[in-house]
């Protein structure tokens, strides 16, 4: 039995539950006792805020107490902290090397990394170095951030100067891609070999997160995802965002070294990413199956809820109620 500790569990019920169905013992952590994913794990713990000196040591204590085999971050809040604290945690951490995480955290540094590795990326400039003859429109983007926060479109020089003067966070400027956007959900082993790459369309997104999409067996995108993942390198999961421009180029804008917000889609397409993650934690070396998944799987997301009651000791427990169940079997089931 593989024990998996999830950090910043938040609303990621889908991921915690998928690992549980795959046979893991699941432990979820969060700072907020109303984080719904806590109550879909076998055990949960409330922990300190990310960045506090005791955060990693508290997680290390939970790793020891519960004999945790694998630590899996579920948001962009703590991957760099966990990657830096890998040795202290005492368990396998589903993240690339700390330097790769740091490069991907800073979106301008990520762009420089892509260029250095020969990965096409939209033209980008530091805020004070935008050329006089820049072609509009452009985007003013936060260097560090998530969920499409602090991204502003500028259609001319006046709008660019307006947004640069008022954005509340360190930002850079990037050419605005005109082509179709895709996401590629990849998974690599701890040697940086890509085990699979599953492209999907972005039919609709909200707050930077895909809420409608379809898996596509586009060989060019599959190979592009594999090449980007292995060049960085990625260890574990990552979500690669790119645009296919009119000239056929595939411009990478972001690589997020974690499970993507649309995790249910590649999972339903047969990715078996939870099983692969547990196999890595157990010291196994799964063989790559790049391109093996079901195409034409649609996803449309919806809000759900969890009702809790407070006991005399102040702990919260879910109220038993009917929960929607999938009408189709889990991937791999008859």
C-alpha atoms as a PDB file:
ATOM      1  CA  UNK A   1       0.000   0.000   0.000  1.00  0.00           C
ATOM      2  CA  UNK A   2       1.427   3.357  -1.064  1.00  0.00           C
ATOM      3  CA  UNK A   3       0.744   6.321   1.230  1.00  0.00           C
ATOM      4  CA  UNK A   4       0.437   9.683  -0.505  1.00  0.00           C
ATOM      5  CA  UNK A   5       0.517  13.092   1.206  1.00  0.00           C
ATOM      6  CA  UNK A   6      -1.184  15.938  -0.684  1.00  0.00           C
ATOM      7  CA  UNK A   7      -0.262  19.530   0.147  1.00  0.00           C
ATOM      8  CA  UNK A   8      -2.495  22.591  -0.308  1.00  0.00           C
ATOM      9  CA  UNK A   9      -5.328  20.171  -1.066  1.00  0.00           C
ATOM     10  CA  UNK A  10      -7.930  22.923  -1.446  1.00  0.00           C
ATOM     11  CA  UNK A  11     -10.652  21.928  -3.892  1.00  0.00           C
ATOM     12  CA  UNK A  12      -8.736  19.139  -5.626  1.00  0.00           C
ATOM     13  CA  UNK A  13     -11.203  16.429  -4.688  1.00  0.00           C
ATOM     14  CA  UNK A  14     -10.714  14.931  -8.157  1.00  0.00           C
ATOM     15  CA  UNK A  15      -7.009  14.197  -7.656  1.00  0.00           C
ATOM     16  CA  UNK A  16      -7.228  12.989  -4.043  1.00  0.00           C
ATOM     17  CA  UNK A  17     -10.127  10.691  -4.922  1.00  0.00           C
ATOM     18  CA  UNK A  18      -8.391   9.329  -8.042  1.00  0.00           C
ATOM     19  CA  UNK A  19      -5.346   8.290  -6.010  1.00  0.00           C
ATOM     20  CA  UNK A  20      -7.632   6.680  -3.441  1.00  0.00           C
ATOM     21  CA  UNK A  21      -9.428   4.671  -6.126  1.00  0.00           C
ATOM     22  CA  UNK A  22      -6.031   3.629  -7.491  1.00  0.00           C
ATOM     23  CA  UNK A  23      -5.254   2.013  -4.141  1.00  0.00           C
ATOM     24  CA  UNK A  24      -3.322   4.702  -2.253  1.00  0.00           C
ATOM     25  CA  UNK A  25      -3.766   5.610   1.367  1.00  0.00           C
ATOM     26  CA  UNK A  26      -4.395   9.342   1.095  1.00  0.00           C
ATOM     27  CA  UNK A  27      -3.497  12.122   3.538  1.00  0.00           C
ATOM     28  CA  UNK A  28      -4.548  15.680   2.648  1.00  0.00           C
ATOM     29  CA  UNK A  29      -3.224  18.872   4.212  1.00  0.00           C
ATOM     30  CA  UNK A  30      -4.359  22.472   4.056  1.00  0.00           C
ATOM     31  CA  UNK A  31      -4.387  25.608   6.193  1.00  0.00           C
ATOM     32  CA  UNK A  32      -8.165  25.979   5.833  1.00  0.00           C
ATOM     33  CA  UNK A  33     -10.402  23.486   7.591  1.00  0.00           C
ATOM     34  CA  UNK A  34     -13.102  24.161   4.988  1.00  0.00           C
ATOM     35  CA  UNK A  35     -10.929  22.895   2.125  1.00  0.00           C
ATOM     36  CA  UNK A  36     -13.229  20.205   0.671  1.00  0.00           C
ATOM     37  CA  UNK A  37     -10.468  17.866  -0.504  1.00  0.00           C
ATOM     38  CA  UNK A  38      -9.525  17.261   3.148  1.00  0.00           C
ATOM     39  CA  UNK A  39     -12.704  15.274   3.659  1.00  0.00           C
ATOM     40  CA  UNK A  40     -12.184  13.020   0.650  1.00  0.00           C
ATOM     41  CA  UNK A  41      -8.875  11.684   1.972  1.00  0.00           C
ATOM     42  CA  UNK A  42      -8.363   8.795   4.378  1.00  0.00           C
ATOM     43  CA  UNK A  43      -6.776  11.241   6.850  1.00  0.00           C
ATOM     44  CA  UNK A  44      -6.314  14.985   6.941  1.00  0.00           C
ATOM     45  CA  UNK A  45      -4.198  17.476   8.854  1.00  0.00           C
ATOM     46  CA  UNK A  46      -4.323  21.254   9.200  1.00  0.00           C
ATOM     47  CA  UNK A  47      -0.861  22.725   8.714  1.00  0.00           C
ATOM     48  CA  UNK A  48       0.974  26.035   8.900  1.00  0.00           C
ATOM     49  CA  UNK A  49       0.975  28.595   6.131  1.00  0.00           C
ATOM     50  CA  UNK A  50       3.322  27.982   3.199  1.00  0.00           C
ATOM     51  CA  UNK A  51       6.516  29.963   3.727  1.00  0.00           C
ATOM     52  CA  UNK A  52       6.505  29.808   7.511  1.00  0.00           C
ATOM     53  CA  UNK A  53       9.769  28.326   8.823  1.00  0.00           C
ATOM     54  CA  UNK A  54       7.980  25.315  10.327  1.00  0.00           C
ATOM     55  CA  UNK A  55       6.027  24.374   7.185  1.00  0.00           C
ATOM     56  CA  UNK A  56       8.422  21.794   5.759  1.00  0.00           C
ATOM     57  CA  UNK A  57       9.348  20.380   9.168  1.00  0.00           C
ATOM     58  CA  UNK A  58       5.656  19.932   9.989  1.00  0.00           C
ATOM     59  CA  UNK A  59       5.142  18.041   6.731  1.00  0.00           C
ATOM     60  CA  UNK A  60       8.252  15.975   7.488  1.00  0.00           C
ATOM     61  CA  UNK A  61       6.662  15.051  10.812  1.00  0.00           C
ATOM     62  CA  UNK A  62       3.540  13.846   9.013  1.00  0.00           C
ATOM     63  CA  UNK A  63       5.689  11.849   6.578  1.00  0.00           C
ATOM     64  CA  UNK A  64       7.326  10.085   9.507  1.00  0.00           C
ATOM     65  CA  UNK A  65       4.106   9.605  11.488  1.00  0.00           C
ATOM     66  CA  UNK A  66       2.139   8.096   8.592  1.00  0.00           C
ATOM     67  CA  UNK A  67       5.017   6.363   6.742  1.00  0.00           C
ATOM     68  CA  UNK A  68       4.356   8.493   3.677  1.00  0.00           C
ATOM     69  CA  UNK A  69       5.895   7.266   0.422  1.00  0.00           C
ATOM     70  CA  UNK A  70       5.054  10.188  -1.869  1.00  0.00           C
ATOM     71  CA  UNK A  71       4.411  13.936  -1.471  1.00  0.00           C
ATOM     72  CA  UNK A  72       2.216  15.562  -4.144  1.00  0.00           C
ATOM     73  CA  UNK A  73       1.616  19.348  -4.310  1.00  0.00           C
ATOM     74  CA  UNK A  74      -1.798  20.347  -5.676  1.00  0.00           C
ATOM     75  CA  UNK A  75      -1.369  24.096  -6.284  1.00  0.00           C
ATOM     76  CA  UNK A  76       1.319  26.564  -7.352  1.00  0.00           C
ATOM     77  CA  UNK A  77       1.761  27.808  -3.769  1.00  0.00           C
ATOM     78  CA  UNK A  78       4.414  25.450  -2.420  1.00  0.00           C
ATOM     79  CA  UNK A  79       6.248  23.470  -5.161  1.00  0.00           C
ATOM     80  CA  UNK A  80       9.463  25.496  -4.796  1.00  0.00           C
ATOM     81  CA  UNK A  81       9.373  25.144  -1.001  1.00  0.00           C
ATOM     82  CA  UNK A  82       8.871  21.382  -1.331  1.00  0.00           C
ATOM     83  CA  UNK A  83      11.520  20.987  -4.037  1.00  0.00           C
ATOM     84  CA  UNK A  84      14.030  22.885  -1.889  1.00  0.00           C
ATOM     85  CA  UNK A  85      13.054  20.795   1.159  1.00  0.00           C
ATOM     86  CA  UNK A  86      13.095  17.449  -0.629  1.00  0.00           C
ATOM     87  CA  UNK A  87      15.844  15.967   1.569  1.00  0.00           C
ATOM     88  CA  UNK A  88      14.180  17.084   4.811  1.00  0.00           C
ATOM     89  CA  UNK A  89      10.798  15.634   3.866  1.00  0.00           C
ATOM     90  CA  UNK A  90      12.067  12.066   3.814  1.00  0.00           C
ATOM     91  CA  UNK A  91       9.789  10.827   1.011  1.00  0.00           C
ATOM     92  CA  UNK A  92       9.703  10.952  -2.768  1.00  0.00           C
ATOM     93  CA  UNK A  93       8.458  14.355  -3.942  1.00  0.00           C
ATOM     94  CA  UNK A  94       6.531  14.506  -7.228  1.00  0.00           C
ATOM     95  CA  UNK A  95       8.388  17.560  -8.517  1.00  0.00           C
ATOM     96  CA  UNK A  96      11.316  18.356 -10.831  1.00  0.00           C
ATOM     97  CA  UNK A  97      14.647  19.593  -9.439  1.00  0.00           C
ATOM     98  CA  UNK A  98      14.340  22.851  -7.497  1.00  0.00           C
ATOM     99  CA  UNK A  99      16.103  24.874 -10.202  1.00  0.00           C
ATOM    100  CA  UNK A 100      13.516  23.770 -12.793  1.00  0.00           C
ATOM    101  CA  UNK A 101      10.635  24.632 -10.457  1.00  0.00           C
ATOM    102  CA  UNK A 102      12.176  28.071  -9.832  1.00  0.00           C
ATOM    103  CA  UNK A 103      12.588  28.698 -13.558  1.00  0.00           C
ATOM    104  CA  UNK A 104       8.960  27.775 -14.292  1.00  0.00           C
ATOM    105  CA  UNK A 105       7.669  29.859 -11.356  1.00  0.00           C
ATOM    106  CA  UNK A 106       9.025  33.065 -12.899  1.00  0.00           C
ATOM    107  CA  UNK A 107       7.267  33.348 -16.263  1.00  0.00           C
ATOM    108  CA  UNK A 108       9.915  35.631 -17.772  1.00  0.00           C
ATOM    109  CA  UNK A 109      12.720  33.333 -16.641  1.00  0.00           C
ATOM    110  CA  UNK A 110      10.678  30.450 -18.059  1.00  0.00           C
ATOM    111  CA  UNK A 111      10.626  32.232 -21.430  1.00  0.00           C
ATOM    112  CA  UNK A 112      14.414  32.662 -21.282  1.00  0.00           C
ATOM    113  CA  UNK A 113      14.761  28.966 -20.406  1.00  0.00           C
ATOM    114  CA  UNK A 114      12.598  27.942 -23.369  1.00  0.00           C
ATOM    115  CA  UNK A 115      14.715  30.039 -25.722  1.00  0.00           C
ATOM    116  CA  UNK A 116      17.953  28.608 -24.304  1.00  0.00           C
ATOM    117  CA  UNK A 117      16.672  25.070 -24.860  1.00  0.00           C
ATOM    118  CA  UNK A 118      15.424  25.782 -28.382  1.00  0.00           C
ATOM    119  CA  UNK A 119      11.743  25.643 -27.430  1.00  0.00           C
ATOM    120  CA  UNK A 120       9.660  28.184 -29.395  1.00  0.00           C
ATOM    121  CA  UNK A 121       8.068  30.822 -27.151  1.00  0.00           C
ATOM    122  CA  UNK A 122       6.332  34.172 -27.807  1.00  0.00           C
ATOM    123  CA  UNK A 123       8.611  37.211 -27.925  1.00  0.00           C
ATOM    124  CA  UNK A 124       8.920  38.637 -24.402  1.00  0.00           C
ATOM    125  CA  UNK A 125      10.596  41.612 -22.768  1.00  0.00           C
ATOM    126  CA  UNK A 126      11.282  42.949 -19.315  1.00  0.00           C
ATOM    127  CA  UNK A 127       8.954  45.839 -18.555  1.00  0.00           C
ATOM    128  CA  UNK A 128      11.641  48.505 -19.026  1.00  0.00           C
ATOM    129  CA  UNK A 129      13.003  46.996 -22.262  1.00  0.00           C
ATOM    130  CA  UNK A 130       9.976  46.858 -24.557  1.00  0.00           C
ATOM    131  CA  UNK A 131      11.181  48.002 -28.019  1.00  0.00           C
ATOM    132  CA  UNK A 132       9.767  51.194 -29.507  1.00  0.00           C
ATOM    133  CA  UNK A 133       8.527  49.330 -32.573  1.00  0.00           C
ATOM    134  CA  UNK A 134       6.819  46.489 -30.684  1.00  0.00           C
ATOM    135  CA  UNK A 135       3.835  45.045 -32.573  1.00  0.00           C
ATOM    136  CA  UNK A 136       0.532  45.302 -30.725  1.00  0.00           C
ATOM    137  CA  UNK A 137      -1.435  43.753 -29.137  1.00  0.00           C
ATOM    138  CA  UNK A 138       0.768  42.593 -26.252  1.00  0.00           C
ATOM    139  CA  UNK A 139       0.093  41.199 -22.795  1.00  0.00           C
ATOM    140  CA  UNK A 140       1.311  42.560 -19.482  1.00  0.00           C
ATOM    141  CA  UNK A 141       1.778  39.416 -17.373  1.00  0.00           C
ATOM    142  CA  UNK A 142       2.747  38.796 -13.759  1.00  0.00           C
ATOM    143  CA  UNK A 143       6.166  37.180 -13.512  1.00  0.00           C
ATOM    144  CA  UNK A 144       4.909  35.003 -10.675  1.00  0.00           C
ATOM    145  CA  UNK A 145       1.286  34.057 -10.359  1.00  0.00           C
ATOM    146  CA  UNK A 146      -1.427  31.609 -11.269  1.00  0.00           C
ATOM    147  CA  UNK A 147      -5.034  31.466 -12.406  1.00  0.00           C
ATOM    148  CA  UNK A 148      -4.564  34.211 -15.043  1.00  0.00           C
ATOM    149  CA  UNK A 149      -4.282  36.834 -12.313  1.00  0.00           C
ATOM    150  CA  UNK A 150      -2.743  40.197 -13.218  1.00  0.00           C
ATOM    151  CA  UNK A 151      -2.747  39.665 -16.988  1.00  0.00           C
ATOM    152  CA  UNK A 152      -3.727  42.726 -19.030  1.00  0.00           C
ATOM    153  CA  UNK A 153      -4.067  43.173 -22.793  1.00  0.00           C
ATOM    154  CA  UNK A 154      -2.636  46.345 -24.330  1.00  0.00           C
ATOM    155  CA  UNK A 155      -3.713  47.341 -27.824  1.00  0.00           C
ATOM    156  CA  UNK A 156      -1.410  50.359 -28.130  1.00  0.00           C
ATOM    157  CA  UNK A 157       1.454  52.147 -26.403  1.00  0.00           C
ATOM    158  CA  UNK A 158      -0.860  54.226 -24.198  1.00  0.00           C
ATOM    159  CA  UNK A 159      -2.604  51.130 -22.836  1.00  0.00           C
ATOM    160  CA  UNK A 160       0.743  49.400 -22.315  1.00  0.00           C
ATOM    161  CA  UNK A 161       2.104  52.281 -20.239  1.00  0.00           C
ATOM    162  CA  UNK A 162      -1.186  52.461 -18.316  1.00  0.00           C
ATOM    163  CA  UNK A 163      -1.082  48.784 -17.300  1.00  0.00           C
ATOM    164  CA  UNK A 164       2.637  48.770 -16.518  1.00  0.00           C
ATOM    165  CA  UNK A 165       2.178  51.773 -14.234  1.00  0.00           C
ATOM    166  CA  UNK A 166      -0.730  50.220 -12.352  1.00  0.00           C
ATOM    167  CA  UNK A 167      -0.098  46.492 -12.151  1.00  0.00           C
ATOM    168  CA  UNK A 168       0.482  45.655  -8.456  1.00  0.00           C
ATOM    169  CA  UNK A 169       3.033  42.887  -9.105  1.00  0.00           C
ATOM    170  CA  UNK A 170       6.374  42.562 -10.939  1.00  0.00           C
ATOM    171  CA  UNK A 171       5.472  42.014 -14.587  1.00  0.00           C
ATOM    172  CA  UNK A 172       6.860  41.496 -18.075  1.00  0.00           C
ATOM    173  CA  UNK A 173       5.483  42.016 -21.565  1.00  0.00           C
ATOM    174  CA  UNK A 174       4.747  39.236 -24.036  1.00  0.00           C
ATOM    175  CA  UNK A 175       3.529  39.176 -27.633  1.00  0.00           C
ATOM    176  CA  UNK A 176      -0.097  38.139 -27.903  1.00  0.00           C
ATOM    177  CA  UNK A 177      -0.495  34.745 -29.589  1.00  0.00           C
ATOM    178  CA  UNK A 178      -3.134  34.626 -32.329  1.00  0.00           C
ATOM    179  CA  UNK A 179      -3.458  30.871 -32.884  1.00  0.00           C
ATOM    180  CA  UNK A 180      -5.422  28.096 -31.191  1.00  0.00           C
ATOM    181  CA  UNK A 181      -4.479  27.268 -27.603  1.00  0.00           C
ATOM    182  CA  UNK A 182      -3.809  23.733 -26.393  1.00  0.00           C
ATOM    183  CA  UNK A 183      -2.765  22.115 -23.132  1.00  0.00           C
ATOM    184  CA  UNK A 184      -0.613  18.998 -22.970  1.00  0.00           C
ATOM    185  CA  UNK A 185      -0.713  16.975 -19.747  1.00  0.00           C
ATOM    186  CA  UNK A 186       2.585  15.100 -19.443  1.00  0.00           C
ATOM    187  CA  UNK A 187       4.039  12.716 -16.890  1.00  0.00           C
ATOM    188  CA  UNK A 188       7.737  11.843 -16.553  1.00  0.00           C
ATOM    189  CA  UNK A 189       9.785   9.511 -14.376  1.00  0.00           C
ATOM    190  CA  UNK A 190      12.526  10.648 -11.991  1.00  0.00           C
ATOM    191  CA  UNK A 191      15.081  10.393 -14.804  1.00  0.00           C
ATOM    192  CA  UNK A 192      13.146  12.881 -16.910  1.00  0.00           C
ATOM    193  CA  UNK A 193      11.796  10.319 -19.413  1.00  0.00           C
ATOM    194  CA  UNK A 194       8.338  11.262 -20.650  1.00  0.00           C
ATOM    195  CA  UNK A 195       5.948   8.380 -19.950  1.00  0.00           C
ATOM    196  CA  UNK A 196       2.953   9.948 -21.670  1.00  0.00           C
ATOM    197  CA  UNK A 197       1.741  13.230 -23.185  1.00  0.00           C
ATOM    198  CA  UNK A 198      -1.977  13.876 -23.656  1.00  0.00           C
ATOM    199  CA  UNK A 199      -3.054  16.996 -25.588  1.00  0.00           C
ATOM    200  CA  UNK A 200      -6.456  18.596 -25.110  1.00  0.00           C
ATOM    201  CA  UNK A 201      -8.265  21.548 -26.579  1.00  0.00           C
ATOM    202  CA  UNK A 202      -9.268  24.608 -24.565  1.00  0.00           C
ATOM    203  CA  UNK A 203     -12.938  24.873 -25.549  1.00  0.00           C
ATOM    204  CA  UNK A 204     -13.623  27.131 -22.576  1.00  0.00           C
ATOM    205  CA  UNK A 205     -11.638  28.310 -19.579  1.00  0.00           C
ATOM    206  CA  UNK A 206     -12.452  30.404 -16.534  1.00  0.00           C
ATOM    207  CA  UNK A 207      -9.912  32.089 -14.289  1.00  0.00           C
ATOM    208  CA  UNK A 208      -7.101  30.483 -16.257  1.00  0.00           C
ATOM    209  CA  UNK A 209      -8.452  26.964 -15.674  1.00  0.00           C
ATOM    210  CA  UNK A 210      -9.986  24.763 -18.347  1.00  0.00           C
ATOM    211  CA  UNK A 211     -13.642  23.919 -17.741  1.00  0.00           C
ATOM    212  CA  UNK A 212     -14.459  22.410 -21.149  1.00  0.00           C
ATOM    213  CA  UNK A 213     -12.162  20.511 -23.472  1.00  0.00           C
ATOM    214  CA  UNK A 214     -11.546  17.350 -25.496  1.00  0.00           C
ATOM    215  CA  UNK A 215      -8.568  15.008 -25.778  1.00  0.00           C
ATOM    216  CA  UNK A 216      -7.015  14.932 -29.241  1.00  0.00           C
ATOM    217  CA  UNK A 217      -4.518  12.468 -30.671  1.00  0.00           C
ATOM    218  CA  UNK A 218      -2.476  15.136 -32.464  1.00  0.00           C
ATOM    219  CA  UNK A 219       0.920  13.545 -33.108  1.00  0.00           C
ATOM    220  CA  UNK A 220       2.703  16.871 -33.447  1.00  0.00           C
ATOM    221  CA  UNK A 221       1.397  18.078 -30.075  1.00  0.00           C
ATOM    222  CA  UNK A 222       2.195  14.739 -28.426  1.00  0.00           C
ATOM    223  CA  UNK A 223       5.792  14.863 -29.644  1.00  0.00           C
ATOM    224  CA  UNK A 224       6.073  18.559 -28.741  1.00  0.00           C
ATOM    225  CA  UNK A 225       4.923  17.821 -25.186  1.00  0.00           C
ATOM    226  CA  UNK A 226       7.413  14.978 -24.865  1.00  0.00           C
ATOM    227  CA  UNK A 227      10.278  17.093 -26.179  1.00  0.00           C
ATOM    228  CA  UNK A 228       9.533  20.053 -23.889  1.00  0.00           C
ATOM    229  CA  UNK A 229       9.124  17.819 -20.820  1.00  0.00           C
ATOM    230  CA  UNK A 230      12.400  15.990 -21.404  1.00  0.00           C
ATOM    231  CA  UNK A 231      14.332  19.147 -22.270  1.00  0.00           C
ATOM    232  CA  UNK A 232      13.580  20.911 -18.970  1.00  0.00           C
ATOM    233  CA  UNK A 233      13.468  18.140 -17.466  1.00  0.00           C
ATOM    234  CA  UNK A 234      10.139  17.415 -15.772  1.00  0.00           C
ATOM    235  CA  UNK A 235       9.847  14.817 -13.013  1.00  0.00           C
ATOM    236  CA  UNK A 236       6.255  13.736 -12.373  1.00  0.00           C
ATOM    237  CA  UNK A 237       3.342  15.683 -13.890  1.00  0.00           C
ATOM    238  CA  UNK A 238       3.282  18.973 -15.750  1.00  0.00           C
ATOM    239  CA  UNK A 239       0.822  20.983 -17.766  1.00  0.00           C
ATOM    240  CA  UNK A 240       2.315  22.519 -20.919  1.00  0.00           C
ATOM    241  CA  UNK A 241       0.376  25.401 -22.472  1.00  0.00           C
ATOM    242  CA  UNK A 242       1.033  26.338 -26.084  1.00  0.00           C
ATOM    243  CA  UNK A 243      -0.444  28.013 -29.148  1.00  0.00           C
ATOM    244  CA  UNK A 244      -0.360  26.744 -32.725  1.00  0.00           C
ATOM    245  CA  UNK A 245       0.222  29.828 -34.863  1.00  0.00           C
ATOM    246  CA  UNK A 246      -0.727  30.307 -38.511  1.00  0.00           C
ATOM    247  CA  UNK A 247       2.826  29.475 -39.633  1.00  0.00           C
ATOM    248  CA  UNK A 248       2.601  26.107 -37.854  1.00  0.00           C
ATOM    249  CA  UNK A 249       4.893  27.007 -34.964  1.00  0.00           C
ATOM    250  CA  UNK A 250       3.993  25.767 -31.490  1.00  0.00           C
ATOM    251  CA  UNK A 251       4.741  28.569 -29.023  1.00  0.00           C
ATOM    252  CA  UNK A 252       5.010  27.525 -25.375  1.00  0.00           C
ATOM    253  CA  UNK A 253       3.733  30.118 -22.906  1.00  0.00           C
ATOM    254  CA  UNK A 254       3.727  28.196 -19.609  1.00  0.00           C
ATOM    255  CA  UNK A 255       4.840  24.936 -18.059  1.00  0.00           C
ATOM    256  CA  UNK A 256       3.278  24.231 -14.661  1.00  0.00           C
ATOM    257  CA  UNK A 257       5.088  21.355 -12.874  1.00  0.00           C
ATOM    258  CA  UNK A 258       1.997  19.848 -11.227  1.00  0.00           C
ATOM    259  CA  UNK A 259      -1.210  18.107 -12.209  1.00  0.00           C
ATOM    260  CA  UNK A 260      -3.287  20.414 -14.411  1.00  0.00           C
ATOM    261  CA  UNK A 261      -6.600  21.927 -13.451  1.00  0.00           C
ATOM    262  CA  UNK A 262      -8.301  19.674 -16.001  1.00  0.00           C
ATOM    263  CA  UNK A 263      -6.836  16.504 -14.437  1.00  0.00           C
ATOM    264  CA  UNK A 264     -10.119  14.548 -14.856  1.00  0.00           C
ATOM    265  CA  UNK A 265      -9.827  14.683 -18.658  1.00  0.00           C
ATOM    266  CA  UNK A 266      -6.459  12.924 -19.177  1.00  0.00           C
ATOM    267  CA  UNK A 267      -7.366  10.649 -16.273  1.00  0.00           C
ATOM    268  CA  UNK A 268     -10.569   9.563 -17.988  1.00  0.00           C
ATOM    269  CA  UNK A 269      -8.630   9.137 -21.233  1.00  0.00           C
ATOM    270  CA  UNK A 270      -6.601   6.390 -19.562  1.00  0.00           C
ATOM    271  CA  UNK A 271      -3.467   8.244 -18.453  1.00  0.00           C
ATOM    272  CA  UNK A 272      -3.142   6.144 -15.264  1.00  0.00           C
ATOM    273  CA  UNK A 273      -1.054   9.005 -13.850  1.00  0.00           C
ATOM    274  CA  UNK A 274      -1.916   8.141 -10.200  1.00  0.00           C
ATOM    275  CA  UNK A 275      -0.730   4.567 -10.762  1.00  0.00           C
ATOM    276  CA  UNK A 276       2.447   5.806 -12.455  1.00  0.00           C
ATOM    277  CA  UNK A 277       3.129   8.196  -9.567  1.00  0.00           C
ATOM    278  CA  UNK A 278       2.764   5.404  -7.021  1.00  0.00           C
ATOM    279  CA  UNK A 279       4.974   3.124  -9.087  1.00  0.00           C
ATOM    280  CA  UNK A 280       7.728   5.758  -9.041  1.00  0.00           C
ATOM    281  CA  UNK A 281       7.348   6.114  -5.273  1.00  0.00           C
ATOM    282  CA  UNK A 282       7.785   2.362  -4.944  1.00  0.00           C
ATOM    283  CA  UNK A 283      11.044   2.473  -6.920  1.00  0.00           C
ATOM    284  CA  UNK A 284       9.654   1.008 -10.120  1.00  0.00           C
ATOM    285  CA  UNK A 285      10.591   2.191 -13.625  1.00  0.00           C
ATOM    286  CA  UNK A 286       7.452   2.140 -15.791  1.00  0.00           C
ATOM    287  CA  UNK A 287       7.963   1.958 -19.531  1.00  0.00           C
ATOM    288  CA  UNK A 288       6.871   4.958 -21.637  1.00  0.00           C
ATOM    289  CA  UNK A 289       3.518   4.669 -23.394  1.00  0.00           C
ATOM    290  CA  UNK A 290       3.614   8.058 -25.125  1.00  0.00           C
ATOM    291  CA  UNK A 291       0.532   8.583 -27.263  1.00  0.00           C
ATOM    292  CA  UNK A 292      -1.465   5.733 -25.733  1.00  0.00           C
ATOM    293  CA  UNK A 293      -4.744   7.217 -24.553  1.00  0.00           C
ATOM    294  CA  UNK A 294      -8.336   7.583 -25.703  1.00  0.00           C
ATOM    295  CA  UNK A 295      -9.009  10.538 -27.968  1.00  0.00           C
ATOM    296  CA  UNK A 296     -12.340  12.288 -28.252  1.00  0.00           C
ATOM    297  CA  UNK A 297     -13.020  12.357 -24.503  1.00  0.00           C
ATOM    298  CA  UNK A 298     -14.967  15.502 -23.615  1.00  0.00           C
ATOM    299  CA  UNK A 299     -14.917  17.207 -20.228  1.00  0.00           C
ATOM    300  CA  UNK A 300     -17.374  19.753 -18.895  1.00  0.00           C
ATOM    301  CA  UNK A 301     -16.938  20.802 -15.265  1.00  0.00           C
ATOM    302  CA  UNK A 302     -19.504  21.835 -12.685  1.00  0.00           C
ATOM    303  CA  UNK A 303     -19.700  23.036  -9.097  1.00  0.00           C
ATOM    304  CA  UNK A 304     -20.426  20.562  -6.321  1.00  0.00           C
ATOM    305  CA  UNK A 305     -20.513  20.869  -2.547  1.00  0.00           C
ATOM    306  CA  UNK A 306     -19.816  19.231   0.796  1.00  0.00           C
ATOM    307  CA  UNK A 307     -21.898  19.741   3.937  1.00  0.00           C
ATOM    308  CA  UNK A 308     -20.039  19.466   7.275  1.00  0.00           C
ATOM    309  CA  UNK A 309     -21.070  19.380  10.913  1.00  0.00           C
ATOM    310  CA  UNK A 310     -18.920  20.452  13.864  1.00  0.00           C
ATOM    311  CA  UNK A 311     -18.343  18.031  16.709  1.00  0.00           C
ATOM    312  CA  UNK A 312     -17.890  18.939  20.375  1.00  0.00           C
ATOM    313  CA  UNK A 313     -14.102  18.931  19.932  1.00  0.00           C
ATOM    314  CA  UNK A 314     -14.345  21.429  17.067  1.00  0.00           C
ATOM    315  CA  UNK A 315     -13.526  18.973  14.285  1.00  0.00           C
ATOM    316  CA  UNK A 316     -15.626  18.898  11.150  1.00  0.00           C
ATOM    317  CA  UNK A 317     -17.189  15.778   9.691  1.00  0.00           C
ATOM    318  CA  UNK A 318     -19.029  15.364   6.373  1.00  0.00           C
ATOM    319  CA  UNK A 319     -22.771  14.821   6.456  1.00  0.00           C
ATOM    320  CA  UNK A 320     -23.785  11.670   4.599  1.00  0.00           C
ATOM    321  CA  UNK A 321     -25.683  12.556   1.437  1.00  0.00           C
ATOM    322  CA  UNK A 322     -26.082  11.406  -2.111  1.00  0.00           C
ATOM    323  CA  UNK A 323     -23.047  12.325  -4.228  1.00  0.00           C
ATOM    324  CA  UNK A 324     -23.187  12.196  -8.049  1.00  0.00           C
ATOM    325  CA  UNK A 325     -21.421   9.101  -9.347  1.00  0.00           C
ATOM    326  CA  UNK A 326     -19.909   8.728 -12.841  1.00  0.00           C
ATOM    327  CA  UNK A 327     -22.145   6.921 -15.293  1.00  0.00           C
ATOM    328  CA  UNK A 328     -19.196   5.246 -17.013  1.00  0.00           C
ATOM    329  CA  UNK A 329     -16.575   2.950 -15.431  1.00  0.00           C
ATOM    330  CA  UNK A 330     -13.206   4.173 -14.305  1.00  0.00           C
ATOM    331  CA  UNK A 331     -10.381   3.972 -16.902  1.00  0.00           C
ATOM    332  CA  UNK A 332      -9.232   0.376 -17.271  1.00  0.00           C
ATOM    333  CA  UNK A 333     -12.362  -1.122 -15.718  1.00  0.00           C
ATOM    334  CA  UNK A 334     -14.629  -3.432 -17.680  1.00  0.00           C
END
